[in-house]
Amino acid sequence: MQSVGLQRRLLVSVCLFLRLLTSAESQQVEQLVEEVQNVPVEVITESSPCSATCGLGLRTQTLCLLNDSRRCRVRAVQCMDTWQCGLQTMTVTSGQRVEVDCVGDVMEATGRVSWRYARGIISTDDALLARWDAPELDRVVLDPVREEDAGTYRCDVQDAAYRRVKRAYWGIRVLPVGVLSLDYDSSLALWDEGEKNQTEEEEEQRKIFPFALLAVRTILCCLRG
């Protein structure tokens, strides 16, 4: 009998302890929910396109409180659609000032900049590019530019974690003084047009040649007769 009474007391004690524990946990959960509800939560309601089509740019975002859409703020954040900027070409005259800016305002404090150069050719083939030390890391300044400065300049920008954030190529053609312009596409079109005309003339000559040869033979026969 004493054993049964002891077991009942233990069972009641355990039930009371579990009830107290459940009640305490419930209070803690309620307090936690209340604290979370009081924490201000912001959501992005508007976002502008990235200011740069390649490399790092800036995007403007509008953030408003989840529980009060009238309380908003605007912030600018870095953005990047792609790190590859492709090839840009320019044609200049010897003696001019040429400046190529690789970094820009957004990436001034990003990390390190490295350059490569292929003399005399315009190409994005990296096997043709050799390491080049630019006096000013963020840009190339050729003042005055010389004919031997022509070629392809490539810049790479890395952030503090050595991740590439930009790669761009500049193809520079340098004309001697006195040459006004060099339009490669127009020159190529004229060249193709000239070749086409020459081919048509040769075709006409091939068509006429048998008749001309027959006429010569007829004249020779008449002279001999």
C-alpha atoms as a PDB file:
ATOM      1  CA  MET A   1       0.000   0.000   0.000  1.00  0.00           C
ATOM      2  CA  GLN A   2       2.805   2.421   0.829  1.00  0.00           C
ATOM      3  CA  SER A   3       4.393   1.625  -2.519  1.00  0.00           C
ATOM      4  CA  VAL A   4       1.179   2.402  -4.382  1.00  0.00           C
ATOM      5  CA  GLY A   5       0.792   5.694  -2.515  1.00  0.00           C
ATOM      6  CA  LEU A   6       4.362   6.671  -3.359  1.00  0.00           C
ATOM      7  CA  GLN A   7       3.834   5.959  -7.023  1.00  0.00           C
ATOM      8  CA  ARG A   8       0.721   8.124  -7.050  1.00  0.00           C
ATOM      9  CA  ARG A   9       2.601  10.992  -5.452  1.00  0.00           C
ATOM     10  CA  LEU A  10       5.393  10.694  -8.006  1.00  0.00           C
ATOM     11  CA  LEU A  11       2.899  10.627 -10.860  1.00  0.00           C
ATOM     12  CA  VAL A  12       1.128  13.732  -9.549  1.00  0.00           C
ATOM     13  CA  SER A  13       4.482  15.515  -9.101  1.00  0.00           C
ATOM     14  CA  VAL A  14       5.490  14.692 -12.679  1.00  0.00           C
ATOM     15  CA  CYS A  15       2.169  15.942 -14.019  1.00  0.00           C
ATOM     16  CA  LEU A  16       2.486  19.184 -12.086  1.00  0.00           C
ATOM     17  CA  PHE A  17       6.069  19.662 -13.307  1.00  0.00           C
ATOM     18  CA  LEU A  18       5.059  19.078 -16.928  1.00  0.00           C
ATOM     19  CA  ARG A  19       2.181  21.517 -16.576  1.00  0.00           C
ATOM     20  CA  LEU A  20       4.467  24.175 -15.162  1.00  0.00           C
ATOM     21  CA  LEU A  21       7.034  23.512 -17.879  1.00  0.00           C
ATOM     22  CA  THR A  22       4.415  23.717 -20.627  1.00  0.00           C
ATOM     23  CA  SER A  23       3.069  26.922 -19.170  1.00  0.00           C
ATOM     24  CA  ALA A  24       6.563  28.466 -19.033  1.00  0.00           C
ATOM     25  CA  GLU A  25       7.325  27.440 -22.607  1.00  0.00           C
ATOM     26  CA  SER A  26       4.013  28.831 -23.769  1.00  0.00           C
ATOM     27  CA  GLN A  27       4.809  32.152 -22.126  1.00  0.00           C
ATOM     28  CA  GLN A  28       8.248  32.191 -23.746  1.00  0.00           C
ATOM     29  CA  VAL A  29       6.751  31.473 -27.154  1.00  0.00           C
ATOM     30  CA  GLU A  30       4.230  34.252 -26.724  1.00  0.00           C
ATOM     31  CA  GLN A  31       6.952  36.676 -25.682  1.00  0.00           C
ATOM     32  CA  LEU A  32       9.070  35.654 -28.681  1.00  0.00           C
ATOM     33  CA  VAL A  33       6.162  36.155 -31.078  1.00  0.00           C
ATOM     34  CA  GLU A  34       5.461  39.551 -29.574  1.00  0.00           C
ATOM     35  CA  GLU A  35       9.111  40.582 -29.907  1.00  0.00           C
ATOM     36  CA  VAL A  36       9.231  39.451 -33.544  1.00  0.00           C
ATOM     37  CA  GLN A  37       6.090  41.399 -34.318  1.00  0.00           C
ATOM     38  CA  ASN A  38       7.651  44.519 -32.830  1.00  0.00           C
ATOM     39  CA  VAL A  39      10.820  44.212 -34.939  1.00  0.00           C
ATOM     40  CA  PRO A  40      10.636  46.624 -37.925  1.00  0.00           C
ATOM     41  CA  VAL A  41      10.720  44.644 -41.180  1.00  0.00           C
ATOM     42  CA  GLU A  42      11.551  46.402 -44.466  1.00  0.00           C
ATOM     43  CA  VAL A  43      10.597  45.215 -47.932  1.00  0.00           C
ATOM     44  CA  ILE A  44      11.873  46.454 -51.314  1.00  0.00           C
ATOM     45  CA  THR A  45       9.016  48.149 -53.148  1.00  0.00           C
ATOM     46  CA  GLU A  46      10.951  49.688 -56.063  1.00  0.00           C
ATOM     47  CA  SER A  47      14.289  48.955 -57.717  1.00  0.00           C
ATOM     48  CA  SER A  48      15.933  50.747 -60.624  1.00  0.00           C
ATOM     49  CA  PRO A  49      17.975  49.056 -63.390  1.00  0.00           C
ATOM     50  CA  CYS A  50      21.733  48.760 -62.872  1.00  0.00           C
ATOM     51  CA  SER A  51      23.540  51.911 -63.966  1.00  0.00           C
ATOM     52  CA  ALA A  52      26.224  49.871 -65.795  1.00  0.00           C
ATOM     53  CA  THR A  53      25.612  47.323 -68.528  1.00  0.00           C
ATOM     54  CA  CYS A  54      28.837  45.559 -67.524  1.00  0.00           C
ATOM     55  CA  GLY A  55      31.064  45.703 -64.472  1.00  0.00           C
ATOM     56  CA  LEU A  56      29.954  47.206 -61.186  1.00  0.00           C
ATOM     57  CA  GLY A  57      27.211  49.798 -61.214  1.00  0.00           C
ATOM     58  CA  LEU A  58      24.678  51.313 -58.832  1.00  0.00           C
ATOM     59  CA  ARG A  59      21.024  50.472 -58.329  1.00  0.00           C
ATOM     60  CA  THR A  60      18.546  52.628 -56.383  1.00  0.00           C
ATOM     61  CA  GLN A  61      16.116  50.786 -54.130  1.00  0.00           C
ATOM     62  CA  THR A  62      13.101  52.013 -52.158  1.00  0.00           C
ATOM     63  CA  LEU A  63      12.468  50.174 -48.865  1.00  0.00           C
ATOM     64  CA  CYS A  64       9.270  50.521 -46.845  1.00  0.00           C
ATOM     65  CA  LEU A  65       8.197  49.124 -43.477  1.00  0.00           C
ATOM     66  CA  LEU A  66       6.078  46.009 -43.796  1.00  0.00           C
ATOM     67  CA  ASN A  67       3.511  47.281 -41.300  1.00  0.00           C
ATOM     68  CA  ASP A  68       3.579  50.900 -42.468  1.00  0.00           C
ATOM     69  CA  SER A  69       4.032  51.483 -46.205  1.00  0.00           C
ATOM     70  CA  ARG A  70       4.194  55.260 -45.648  1.00  0.00           C
ATOM     71  CA  ARG A  71       7.550  55.020 -43.879  1.00  0.00           C
ATOM     72  CA  CYS A  72      10.112  54.460 -46.629  1.00  0.00           C
ATOM     73  CA  ARG A  73      13.731  55.201 -47.375  1.00  0.00           C
ATOM     74  CA  VAL A  74      15.934  55.130 -50.491  1.00  0.00           C
ATOM     75  CA  ARG A  75      19.341  53.478 -50.700  1.00  0.00           C
ATOM     76  CA  ALA A  76      21.967  52.889 -53.411  1.00  0.00           C
ATOM     77  CA  VAL A  77      23.522  49.438 -53.704  1.00  0.00           C
ATOM     78  CA  GLN A  78      26.157  47.969 -55.990  1.00  0.00           C
ATOM     79  CA  CYS A  79      24.974  45.766 -58.836  1.00  0.00           C
ATOM     80  CA  MET A  80      26.494  43.806 -61.717  1.00  0.00           C
ATOM     81  CA  ASP A  81      24.744  42.192 -64.674  1.00  0.00           C
ATOM     82  CA  THR A  82      27.930  40.819 -66.247  1.00  0.00           C
ATOM     83  CA  TRP A  83      31.683  41.331 -65.803  1.00  0.00           C
ATOM     84  CA  GLN A  84      32.450  41.022 -69.542  1.00  0.00           C
ATOM     85  CA  CYS A  85      32.354  44.333 -71.378  1.00  0.00           C
ATOM     86  CA  GLY A  86      33.515  43.187 -74.810  1.00  0.00           C
ATOM     87  CA  LEU A  87      35.570  45.182 -77.330  1.00  0.00           C
ATOM     88  CA  GLN A  88      35.379  48.896 -78.078  1.00  0.00           C
ATOM     89  CA  THR A  89      37.352  50.437 -80.953  1.00  0.00           C
ATOM     90  CA  MET A  90      38.501  53.975 -81.637  1.00  0.00           C
ATOM     91  CA  THR A  91      40.444  55.653 -84.435  1.00  0.00           C
ATOM     92  CA  VAL A  92      42.699  58.608 -83.583  1.00  0.00           C
ATOM     93  CA  THR A  93      45.410  60.672 -85.227  1.00  0.00           C
ATOM     94  CA  SER A  94      49.015  60.583 -84.104  1.00  0.00           C
ATOM     95  CA  GLY A  95      49.711  63.387 -81.636  1.00  0.00           C
ATOM     96  CA  GLN A  96      46.282  63.417 -80.004  1.00  0.00           C
ATOM     97  CA  ARG A  97      45.568  62.642 -76.345  1.00  0.00           C
ATOM     98  CA  VAL A  98      43.935  59.268 -75.707  1.00  0.00           C
ATOM     99  CA  GLU A  99      42.554  58.281 -72.314  1.00  0.00           C
ATOM    100  CA  VAL A 100      40.923  54.939 -71.520  1.00  0.00           C
ATOM    101  CA  ASP A 101      39.200  54.717 -68.125  1.00  0.00           C
ATOM    102  CA  CYS A 102      38.815  51.160 -66.861  1.00  0.00           C
ATOM    103  CA  VAL A 103      37.504  51.685 -63.337  1.00  0.00           C
ATOM    104  CA  GLY A 104      35.015  54.566 -63.205  1.00  0.00           C
ATOM    105  CA  ASP A 105      33.462  56.072 -60.092  1.00  0.00           C
ATOM    106  CA  VAL A 106      31.792  52.933 -58.721  1.00  0.00           C
ATOM    107  CA  MET A 107      34.887  50.723 -58.702  1.00  0.00           C
ATOM    108  CA  GLU A 108      37.444  53.236 -57.401  1.00  0.00           C
ATOM    109  CA  ALA A 109      37.902  51.381 -54.110  1.00  0.00           C
ATOM    110  CA  THR A 110      37.129  47.909 -55.408  1.00  0.00           C
ATOM    111  CA  GLY A 111      40.497  46.212 -55.562  1.00  0.00           C
ATOM    112  CA  ARG A 112      43.321  45.766 -58.013  1.00  0.00           C
ATOM    113  CA  VAL A 113      43.499  46.494 -61.751  1.00  0.00           C
ATOM    114  CA  SER A 114      45.734  44.689 -64.249  1.00  0.00           C
ATOM    115  CA  TRP A 115      46.401  45.406 -67.926  1.00  0.00           C
ATOM    116  CA  ARG A 116      47.436  43.382 -70.975  1.00  0.00           C
ATOM    117  CA  TYR A 117      48.423  44.671 -74.421  1.00  0.00           C
ATOM    118  CA  ALA A 118      48.746  43.368 -77.991  1.00  0.00           C
ATOM    119  CA  ARG A 119      50.757  45.740 -80.183  1.00  0.00           C
ATOM    120  CA  GLY A 120      49.574  46.515 -83.688  1.00  0.00           C
ATOM    121  CA  ILE A 121      46.523  44.219 -83.768  1.00  0.00           C
ATOM    122  CA  ILE A 122      42.904  44.461 -82.658  1.00  0.00           C
ATOM    123  CA  SER A 123      41.758  41.166 -81.200  1.00  0.00           C
ATOM    124  CA  THR A 124      40.104  39.635 -78.141  1.00  0.00           C
ATOM    125  CA  ASP A 125      42.307  36.541 -78.369  1.00  0.00           C
ATOM    126  CA  ASP A 126      43.912  36.461 -74.914  1.00  0.00           C
ATOM    127  CA  ALA A 127      46.813  34.372 -76.236  1.00  0.00           C
ATOM    128  CA  LEU A 128      48.010  37.448 -78.166  1.00  0.00           C
ATOM    129  CA  LEU A 129      47.950  39.761 -75.139  1.00  0.00           C
ATOM    130  CA  ALA A 130      51.046  40.259 -72.990  1.00  0.00           C
ATOM    131  CA  ARG A 131      51.253  41.748 -69.502  1.00  0.00           C
ATOM    132  CA  TRP A 132      51.540  45.538 -69.558  1.00  0.00           C
ATOM    133  CA  ASP A 133      52.361  47.887 -66.681  1.00  0.00           C
ATOM    134  CA  ALA A 134      50.265  51.032 -66.838  1.00  0.00           C
ATOM    135  CA  PRO A 135      51.701  54.084 -65.043  1.00  0.00           C
ATOM    136  CA  GLU A 136      48.199  54.828 -63.744  1.00  0.00           C
ATOM    137  CA  LEU A 137      46.524  51.569 -62.795  1.00  0.00           C
ATOM    138  CA  ASP A 138      42.939  52.702 -63.245  1.00  0.00           C
ATOM    139  CA  ARG A 139      43.423  54.154 -66.738  1.00  0.00           C
ATOM    140  CA  VAL A 140      45.616  54.358 -69.829  1.00  0.00           C
ATOM    141  CA  VAL A 141      46.766  57.830 -70.877  1.00  0.00           C
ATOM    142  CA  LEU A 142      48.599  58.199 -74.201  1.00  0.00           C
ATOM    143  CA  ASP A 143      49.600  61.857 -74.546  1.00  0.00           C
ATOM    144  CA  PRO A 144      50.613  62.242 -77.266  1.00  0.00           C
ATOM    145  CA  VAL A 145      49.575  58.968 -78.881  1.00  0.00           C
ATOM    146  CA  ARG A 146      52.036  57.506 -81.408  1.00  0.00           C
ATOM    147  CA  GLU A 147      51.526  55.125 -84.307  1.00  0.00           C
ATOM    148  CA  GLU A 148      53.392  52.390 -82.411  1.00  0.00           C
ATOM    149  CA  ASP A 149      50.817  52.689 -79.582  1.00  0.00           C
ATOM    150  CA  ALA A 150      48.152  51.138 -81.795  1.00  0.00           C
ATOM    151  CA  GLY A 151      46.783  47.780 -80.689  1.00  0.00           C
ATOM    152  CA  THR A 152      44.479  46.187 -78.145  1.00  0.00           C
ATOM    153  CA  TYR A 153      44.431  47.115 -74.460  1.00  0.00           C
ATOM    154  CA  ARG A 154      42.637  44.848 -71.970  1.00  0.00           C
ATOM    155  CA  CYS A 155      41.882  45.642 -68.337  1.00  0.00           C
ATOM    156  CA  ASP A 156      40.749  43.328 -65.546  1.00  0.00           C
ATOM    157  CA  VAL A 157      39.298  44.550 -62.247  1.00  0.00           C
ATOM    158  CA  GLN A 158      39.119  42.335 -59.159  1.00  0.00           C
ATOM    159  CA  ASP A 159      37.447  43.049 -55.840  1.00  0.00           C
ATOM    160  CA  ALA A 160      39.001  42.613 -52.393  1.00  0.00           C
ATOM    161  CA  ALA A 161      38.196  38.872 -52.524  1.00  0.00           C
ATOM    162  CA  TYR A 162      40.032  38.565 -55.894  1.00  0.00           C
ATOM    163  CA  ARG A 163      36.809  37.946 -57.785  1.00  0.00           C
ATOM    164  CA  ARG A 164      36.755  39.409 -61.290  1.00  0.00           C
ATOM    165  CA  VAL A 165      34.168  42.181 -61.576  1.00  0.00           C
ATOM    166  CA  LYS A 166      35.115  43.642 -64.967  1.00  0.00           C
ATOM    167  CA  ARG A 167      37.019  42.835 -68.165  1.00  0.00           C
ATOM    168  CA  ALA A 168      37.101  45.249 -71.092  1.00  0.00           C
ATOM    169  CA  TYR A 169      39.013  45.518 -74.383  1.00  0.00           C
ATOM    170  CA  TRP A 170      39.908  48.695 -76.286  1.00  0.00           C
ATOM    171  CA  GLY A 171      41.148  48.491 -79.864  1.00  0.00           C
ATOM    172  CA  ILE A 172      43.007  51.674 -80.838  1.00  0.00           C
ATOM    173  CA  ARG A 173      43.914  52.550 -84.448  1.00  0.00           C
ATOM    174  CA  VAL A 174      46.430  55.380 -84.824  1.00  0.00           C
ATOM    175  CA  LEU A 175      46.559  57.220 -88.182  1.00  0.00           C
ATOM    176  CA  PRO A 176      49.536  59.299 -89.307  1.00  0.00           C
ATOM    177  CA  VAL A 177      49.117  63.064 -89.405  1.00  0.00           C
ATOM    178  CA  GLY A 178      47.367  64.180 -92.602  1.00  0.00           C
ATOM    179  CA  VAL A 179      45.005  61.222 -92.877  1.00  0.00           C
ATOM    180  CA  LEU A 180      41.562  62.520 -91.994  1.00  0.00           C
ATOM    181  CA  SER A 181      39.656  59.323 -91.317  1.00  0.00           C
ATOM    182  CA  LEU A 182      39.683  55.577 -91.678  1.00  0.00           C
ATOM    183  CA  ASP A 183      36.308  53.908 -91.876  1.00  0.00           C
ATOM    184  CA  TYR A 184      37.081  50.216 -91.923  1.00  0.00           C
ATOM    185  CA  ASP A 185      33.553  49.087 -92.772  1.00  0.00           C
ATOM    186  CA  SER A 186      33.219  51.561 -95.663  1.00  0.00           C
ATOM    187  CA  SER A 187      36.654  50.629 -96.974  1.00  0.00           C
ATOM    188  CA  LEU A 188      35.772  46.953 -96.828  1.00  0.00           C
ATOM    189  CA  ALA A 189      32.501  47.612 -98.662  1.00  0.00           C
ATOM    190  CA  LEU A 190      34.343  49.528-101.405  1.00  0.00           C
ATOM    191  CA  TRP A 191      36.887  46.723-101.692  1.00  0.00           C
ATOM    192  CA  ASP A 192      34.133  44.123-102.077  1.00  0.00           C
ATOM    193  CA  GLU A 193      32.366  46.306-104.624  1.00  0.00           C
ATOM    194  CA  GLY A 194      35.597  46.659-106.619  1.00  0.00           C
ATOM    195  CA  GLU A 195      36.178  42.919-106.586  1.00  0.00           C
ATOM    196  CA  LYS A 196      32.584  42.340-107.704  1.00  0.00           C
ATOM    197  CA  ASN A 197      32.960  44.762-110.627  1.00  0.00           C
ATOM    198  CA  GLN A 198      36.261  43.174-111.618  1.00  0.00           C
ATOM    199  CA  THR A 199      34.680  39.718-111.550  1.00  0.00           C
ATOM    200  CA  GLU A 200      31.804  40.899-113.755  1.00  0.00           C
ATOM    201  CA  GLU A 201      34.257  42.445-116.243  1.00  0.00           C
ATOM    202  CA  GLU A 202      36.252  39.225-116.405  1.00  0.00           C
ATOM    203  CA  GLU A 203      33.054  37.251-116.989  1.00  0.00           C
ATOM    204  CA  GLU A 204      32.079  39.577-119.859  1.00  0.00           C
ATOM    205  CA  GLN A 205      35.553  39.194-121.347  1.00  0.00           C
ATOM    206  CA  ARG A 206      35.272  35.413-121.185  1.00  0.00           C
ATOM    207  CA  LYS A 207      31.950  35.595-123.043  1.00  0.00           C
ATOM    208  CA  ILE A 208      33.313  37.906-125.757  1.00  0.00           C
ATOM    209  CA  PHE A 209      36.643  36.086-126.259  1.00  0.00           C
ATOM    210  CA  PRO A 210      35.315  33.197-128.474  1.00  0.00           C
ATOM    211  CA  PHE A 211      33.588  35.652-130.840  1.00  0.00           C
ATOM    212  CA  ALA A 212      36.694  37.858-131.020  1.00  0.00           C
ATOM    213  CA  LEU A 213      38.846  34.804-131.773  1.00  0.00           C
ATOM    214  CA  LEU A 214      36.431  33.702-134.528  1.00  0.00           C
ATOM    215  CA  ALA A 215      36.521  37.171-136.049  1.00  0.00           C
ATOM    216  CA  VAL A 216      40.324  37.173-136.102  1.00  0.00           C
ATOM    217  CA  ARG A 217      40.419  33.756-137.764  1.00  0.00           C
ATOM    218  CA  THR A 218      37.909  34.878-140.409  1.00  0.00           C
ATOM    219  CA  ILE A 219      39.976  37.951-141.222  1.00  0.00           C
ATOM    220  CA  LEU A 220      43.163  35.867-141.500  1.00  0.00           C
ATOM    221  CA  CYS A 221      41.447  33.393-143.854  1.00  0.00           C
ATOM    222  CA  CYS A 222      40.209  36.228-146.051  1.00  0.00           C
ATOM    223  CA  LEU A 223      43.683  37.746-146.256  1.00  0.00           C
ATOM    224  CA  ARG A 224      45.230  34.415-147.177  1.00  0.00           C
ATOM    225  CA  GLY A 225      42.579  33.756-149.833  1.00  0.00           C
END
